[in-house]
N, C-alpha and C. Protein backbone atom coordinates (compact mmCIF):
# COMPACT_ATOMS: atom_id res chain seq x y z
N UNK A 1 14.79 25.94 -24.47
CA UNK A 1 14.69 24.69 -25.18
C UNK A 1 15.35 24.85 -26.54
N UNK A 2 15.82 23.74 -27.07
CA UNK A 2 16.51 23.79 -28.35
C UNK A 2 15.56 24.20 -29.46
N UNK A 3 16.09 24.93 -30.42
CA UNK A 3 15.30 25.30 -31.59
C UNK A 3 15.02 24.03 -32.39
N UNK A 4 13.89 23.98 -33.11
CA UNK A 4 13.56 22.79 -33.88
C UNK A 4 14.66 22.38 -34.86
N UNK A 5 15.47 23.33 -35.32
CA UNK A 5 16.53 23.03 -36.28
C UNK A 5 17.69 22.28 -35.63
N UNK A 6 17.82 22.37 -34.29
CA UNK A 6 18.89 21.67 -33.59
C UNK A 6 18.57 20.18 -33.59
N UNK A 7 19.43 19.40 -34.24
CA UNK A 7 19.20 17.96 -34.30
C UNK A 7 20.37 17.25 -33.66
N UNK A 8 20.06 16.33 -32.80
CA UNK A 8 21.07 15.51 -32.15
C UNK A 8 20.81 14.07 -32.57
N UNK A 9 21.84 13.27 -32.58
CA UNK A 9 21.65 11.87 -32.95
C UNK A 9 22.08 10.98 -31.80
N UNK A 10 21.54 9.79 -31.78
CA UNK A 10 21.89 8.77 -30.81
C UNK A 10 21.78 7.43 -31.53
N UNK A 11 22.20 6.38 -30.88
CA UNK A 11 22.21 5.06 -31.49
C UNK A 11 21.41 4.09 -30.63
N UNK A 12 20.69 3.20 -31.27
CA UNK A 12 19.97 2.14 -30.55
C UNK A 12 20.96 1.00 -30.31
N UNK A 13 21.09 0.58 -29.05
CA UNK A 13 22.03 -0.50 -28.72
C UNK A 13 21.44 -1.86 -29.11
N UNK A 14 22.23 -2.90 -28.97
CA UNK A 14 21.75 -4.25 -29.27
C UNK A 14 20.64 -4.67 -28.31
N UNK A 15 20.56 -4.03 -27.16
CA UNK A 15 19.49 -4.29 -26.19
C UNK A 15 18.27 -3.41 -26.44
N UNK A 16 18.31 -2.56 -27.46
CA UNK A 16 17.20 -1.66 -27.74
C UNK A 16 17.22 -0.39 -26.92
N UNK A 17 18.32 -0.12 -26.25
CA UNK A 17 18.43 1.06 -25.40
C UNK A 17 18.91 2.26 -26.22
N UNK A 18 18.42 3.43 -25.82
CA UNK A 18 18.81 4.69 -26.47
C UNK A 18 19.28 5.63 -25.37
N UNK A 19 20.40 6.29 -25.59
CA UNK A 19 20.89 7.28 -24.63
C UNK A 19 20.40 8.64 -25.09
N UNK A 20 19.66 9.32 -24.22
CA UNK A 20 19.20 10.67 -24.54
C UNK A 20 20.35 11.63 -24.30
N UNK A 21 20.61 12.53 -25.22
CA UNK A 21 21.70 13.49 -25.03
C UNK A 21 21.53 14.28 -23.72
N UNK A 22 22.65 14.52 -23.06
CA UNK A 22 22.65 15.21 -21.77
C UNK A 22 21.94 16.55 -21.84
N UNK A 23 22.13 17.31 -22.91
CA UNK A 23 21.50 18.63 -23.03
C UNK A 23 19.98 18.50 -22.96
N UNK A 24 19.43 17.49 -23.59
CA UNK A 24 17.97 17.29 -23.57
C UNK A 24 17.53 16.87 -22.18
N UNK A 25 18.25 15.94 -21.56
CA UNK A 25 17.88 15.50 -20.20
C UNK A 25 17.90 16.67 -19.23
N UNK A 26 18.89 17.55 -19.37
CA UNK A 26 18.97 18.71 -18.47
C UNK A 26 17.84 19.69 -18.72
N UNK A 27 17.56 19.99 -19.98
CA UNK A 27 16.47 20.94 -20.27
C UNK A 27 15.13 20.39 -19.80
N UNK A 28 14.93 19.10 -19.93
CA UNK A 28 13.67 18.47 -19.53
C UNK A 28 13.63 18.15 -18.05
N UNK A 29 14.75 18.31 -17.37
CA UNK A 29 14.88 17.98 -15.94
C UNK A 29 14.49 16.51 -15.71
N UNK A 30 15.13 15.64 -16.49
CA UNK A 30 14.93 14.20 -16.39
C UNK A 30 16.19 13.57 -15.81
N UNK A 31 16.30 13.47 -14.48
CA UNK A 31 17.48 12.83 -13.90
C UNK A 31 17.44 11.32 -14.14
N UNK A 32 18.55 10.66 -13.83
CA UNK A 32 18.61 9.20 -13.96
C UNK A 32 17.47 8.59 -13.15
N UNK A 33 16.84 7.59 -13.71
CA UNK A 33 15.73 6.92 -13.03
C UNK A 33 14.36 7.47 -13.38
N UNK A 34 14.30 8.57 -14.14
CA UNK A 34 13.01 9.14 -14.54
C UNK A 34 12.28 8.12 -15.41
N UNK A 35 11.03 7.83 -15.06
CA UNK A 35 10.22 6.91 -15.86
C UNK A 35 9.52 7.71 -16.95
N UNK A 36 9.58 7.19 -18.16
CA UNK A 36 8.99 7.86 -19.31
C UNK A 36 7.96 6.95 -19.98
N UNK A 37 6.90 7.55 -20.52
CA UNK A 37 5.99 6.80 -21.37
C UNK A 37 6.49 6.94 -22.80
N UNK A 38 6.30 5.90 -23.57
CA UNK A 38 6.76 5.88 -24.96
C UNK A 38 5.52 5.72 -25.84
N UNK A 39 5.34 6.69 -26.73
CA UNK A 39 4.16 6.69 -27.60
C UNK A 39 4.62 6.77 -29.05
N UNK A 40 4.15 5.83 -29.85
CA UNK A 40 4.47 5.87 -31.27
C UNK A 40 3.52 6.85 -31.95
N UNK A 41 4.06 7.74 -32.76
CA UNK A 41 3.27 8.74 -33.47
C UNK A 41 3.57 8.61 -34.96
N UNK A 42 2.76 9.24 -35.81
CA UNK A 42 3.05 9.19 -37.25
C UNK A 42 4.43 9.77 -37.59
N UNK A 43 4.92 10.71 -36.77
CA UNK A 43 6.21 11.35 -37.04
C UNK A 43 7.39 10.66 -36.37
N UNK A 44 7.14 9.70 -35.49
CA UNK A 44 8.24 9.05 -34.80
C UNK A 44 7.80 8.53 -33.45
N UNK A 45 8.60 8.82 -32.43
CA UNK A 45 8.34 8.35 -31.07
C UNK A 45 8.32 9.56 -30.14
N UNK A 46 7.35 9.57 -29.23
CA UNK A 46 7.20 10.67 -28.29
C UNK A 46 7.47 10.15 -26.88
N UNK A 47 8.35 10.82 -26.15
CA UNK A 47 8.66 10.47 -24.76
C UNK A 47 8.07 11.53 -23.84
N UNK A 48 7.42 11.07 -22.79
CA UNK A 48 6.85 11.98 -21.78
C UNK A 48 7.10 11.39 -20.40
N UNK A 49 7.23 12.25 -19.38
CA UNK A 49 7.36 11.71 -18.02
C UNK A 49 6.11 10.89 -17.69
N UNK A 50 6.33 9.72 -17.10
CA UNK A 50 5.21 8.86 -16.71
C UNK A 50 4.53 9.46 -15.48
N UNK A 51 3.21 9.33 -15.38
CA UNK A 51 2.52 9.82 -14.18
C UNK A 51 3.00 9.05 -12.95
N UNK A 52 3.00 9.72 -11.81
CA UNK A 52 3.45 9.08 -10.57
C UNK A 52 2.51 7.98 -10.13
N UNK A 53 1.21 8.16 -10.40
CA UNK A 53 0.21 7.19 -10.00
C UNK A 53 -0.64 6.85 -11.20
N UNK A 54 -1.06 5.61 -11.28
CA UNK A 54 -1.96 5.20 -12.36
C UNK A 54 -3.28 5.94 -12.19
N UNK A 55 -3.89 6.33 -13.29
CA UNK A 55 -5.18 7.01 -13.18
C UNK A 55 -6.23 6.01 -12.70
N UNK A 56 -7.11 6.50 -11.83
CA UNK A 56 -8.15 5.65 -11.26
C UNK A 56 -9.47 6.38 -11.27
N UNK A 57 -10.53 5.59 -11.18
CA UNK A 57 -11.88 6.15 -11.06
C UNK A 57 -12.33 5.95 -9.61
N UNK A 58 -13.24 6.80 -9.14
CA UNK A 58 -13.70 6.66 -7.75
C UNK A 58 -14.20 5.26 -7.42
N UNK A 59 -14.89 4.61 -8.36
CA UNK A 59 -15.42 3.28 -8.06
C UNK A 59 -14.31 2.24 -7.88
N UNK A 60 -13.10 2.54 -8.37
CA UNK A 60 -11.99 1.61 -8.21
C UNK A 60 -11.37 1.70 -6.81
N UNK A 61 -11.52 2.82 -6.14
CA UNK A 61 -10.92 2.99 -4.82
C UNK A 61 -11.95 3.09 -3.70
N UNK A 62 -13.22 3.09 -4.04
CA UNK A 62 -14.25 3.28 -3.03
C UNK A 62 -14.14 2.25 -1.91
N UNK A 63 -13.92 0.99 -2.25
CA UNK A 63 -13.86 -0.05 -1.22
C UNK A 63 -12.71 0.18 -0.25
N UNK A 64 -11.66 0.83 -0.67
CA UNK A 64 -10.53 1.07 0.23
C UNK A 64 -10.86 2.14 1.27
N UNK A 65 -11.95 2.85 1.09
CA UNK A 65 -12.36 3.90 2.02
C UNK A 65 -13.46 3.43 2.98
N UNK A 66 -13.72 2.14 2.99
CA UNK A 66 -14.82 1.59 3.78
C UNK A 66 -14.64 1.90 5.27
N UNK A 67 -15.75 2.23 5.92
CA UNK A 67 -15.80 2.50 7.35
C UNK A 67 -16.69 1.44 7.97
N UNK A 68 -16.18 0.70 8.96
CA UNK A 68 -16.93 -0.41 9.53
C UNK A 68 -17.82 -0.03 10.71
N UNK A 69 -17.70 1.17 11.23
CA UNK A 69 -18.49 1.57 12.38
C UNK A 69 -19.89 2.03 11.99
N UNK A 70 -20.64 2.50 12.96
CA UNK A 70 -21.98 3.01 12.65
C UNK A 70 -21.88 4.29 11.83
N UNK A 71 -22.89 4.59 11.03
CA UNK A 71 -22.84 5.81 10.21
C UNK A 71 -22.72 7.06 11.09
N UNK A 72 -22.01 8.05 10.60
CA UNK A 72 -21.85 9.32 11.32
C UNK A 72 -22.80 10.35 10.72
N UNK A 73 -23.37 11.17 11.59
CA UNK A 73 -24.25 12.25 11.12
C UNK A 73 -23.38 13.42 10.68
N UNK A 74 -23.99 14.36 9.98
CA UNK A 74 -23.27 15.57 9.59
C UNK A 74 -22.79 16.33 10.82
N UNK A 75 -23.61 16.35 11.87
CA UNK A 75 -23.20 17.02 13.11
C UNK A 75 -21.98 16.34 13.72
N UNK A 76 -21.97 14.99 13.71
CA UNK A 76 -20.81 14.26 14.23
C UNK A 76 -19.55 14.61 13.45
N UNK A 77 -19.68 14.66 12.11
CA UNK A 77 -18.52 14.97 11.27
C UNK A 77 -18.04 16.39 11.51
N UNK A 78 -18.97 17.34 11.61
CA UNK A 78 -18.59 18.73 11.85
C UNK A 78 -17.89 18.87 13.20
N UNK A 79 -18.38 18.15 14.22
CA UNK A 79 -17.77 18.20 15.54
C UNK A 79 -16.36 17.62 15.50
N UNK A 80 -16.16 16.54 14.75
CA UNK A 80 -14.84 15.92 14.65
C UNK A 80 -13.86 16.85 13.94
N UNK A 81 -14.31 17.52 12.89
CA UNK A 81 -13.45 18.47 12.17
C UNK A 81 -13.08 19.63 13.09
N UNK A 82 -14.04 20.15 13.83
CA UNK A 82 -13.77 21.26 14.75
C UNK A 82 -12.79 20.83 15.85
N UNK A 83 -12.96 19.62 16.37
CA UNK A 83 -12.06 19.13 17.41
C UNK A 83 -10.63 18.99 16.88
N UNK A 84 -10.49 18.49 15.67
CA UNK A 84 -9.16 18.36 15.07
C UNK A 84 -8.53 19.73 14.82
N UNK A 85 -9.34 20.69 14.37
CA UNK A 85 -8.82 22.04 14.15
C UNK A 85 -8.34 22.64 15.47
N UNK A 86 -9.11 22.45 16.54
CA UNK A 86 -8.68 22.95 17.86
C UNK A 86 -7.38 22.28 18.30
N UNK A 87 -7.29 20.98 18.08
CA UNK A 87 -6.09 20.24 18.47
C UNK A 87 -4.86 20.75 17.71
N UNK A 88 -5.01 20.97 16.40
CA UNK A 88 -3.88 21.43 15.59
C UNK A 88 -3.47 22.85 15.96
N UNK A 89 -4.45 23.72 16.23
CA UNK A 89 -4.13 25.10 16.59
C UNK A 89 -3.54 25.19 17.99
N UNK A 90 -3.85 24.24 18.85
CA UNK A 90 -3.29 24.25 20.21
C UNK A 90 -1.79 23.99 20.17
N UNK A 91 -1.31 23.30 19.12
CA UNK A 91 0.13 23.01 19.00
C UNK A 91 0.91 24.23 18.55
N UNK A 92 0.26 25.16 17.87
CA UNK A 92 0.95 26.32 17.30
C UNK A 92 1.45 27.28 18.34
């Protein structure tokens, strides 16, 4: 990574766009299309790769895991896991 003394300059376009110097994009492994978060700090602006997925809490996704059938016992679940393991190992 560049030493802190290495300073590069860029220009803000009339559309508010900034071109990041190629050397920085390469060191950061930010190819074209990389989504970045922009955070204003007391010292300037901080760019970071955006997370691939929005952060969520379990209660936000619980309904998407709903099962409409009758409840399964622990024995039923263990048997299903064992059956799947046997099926997967039979393919090997």
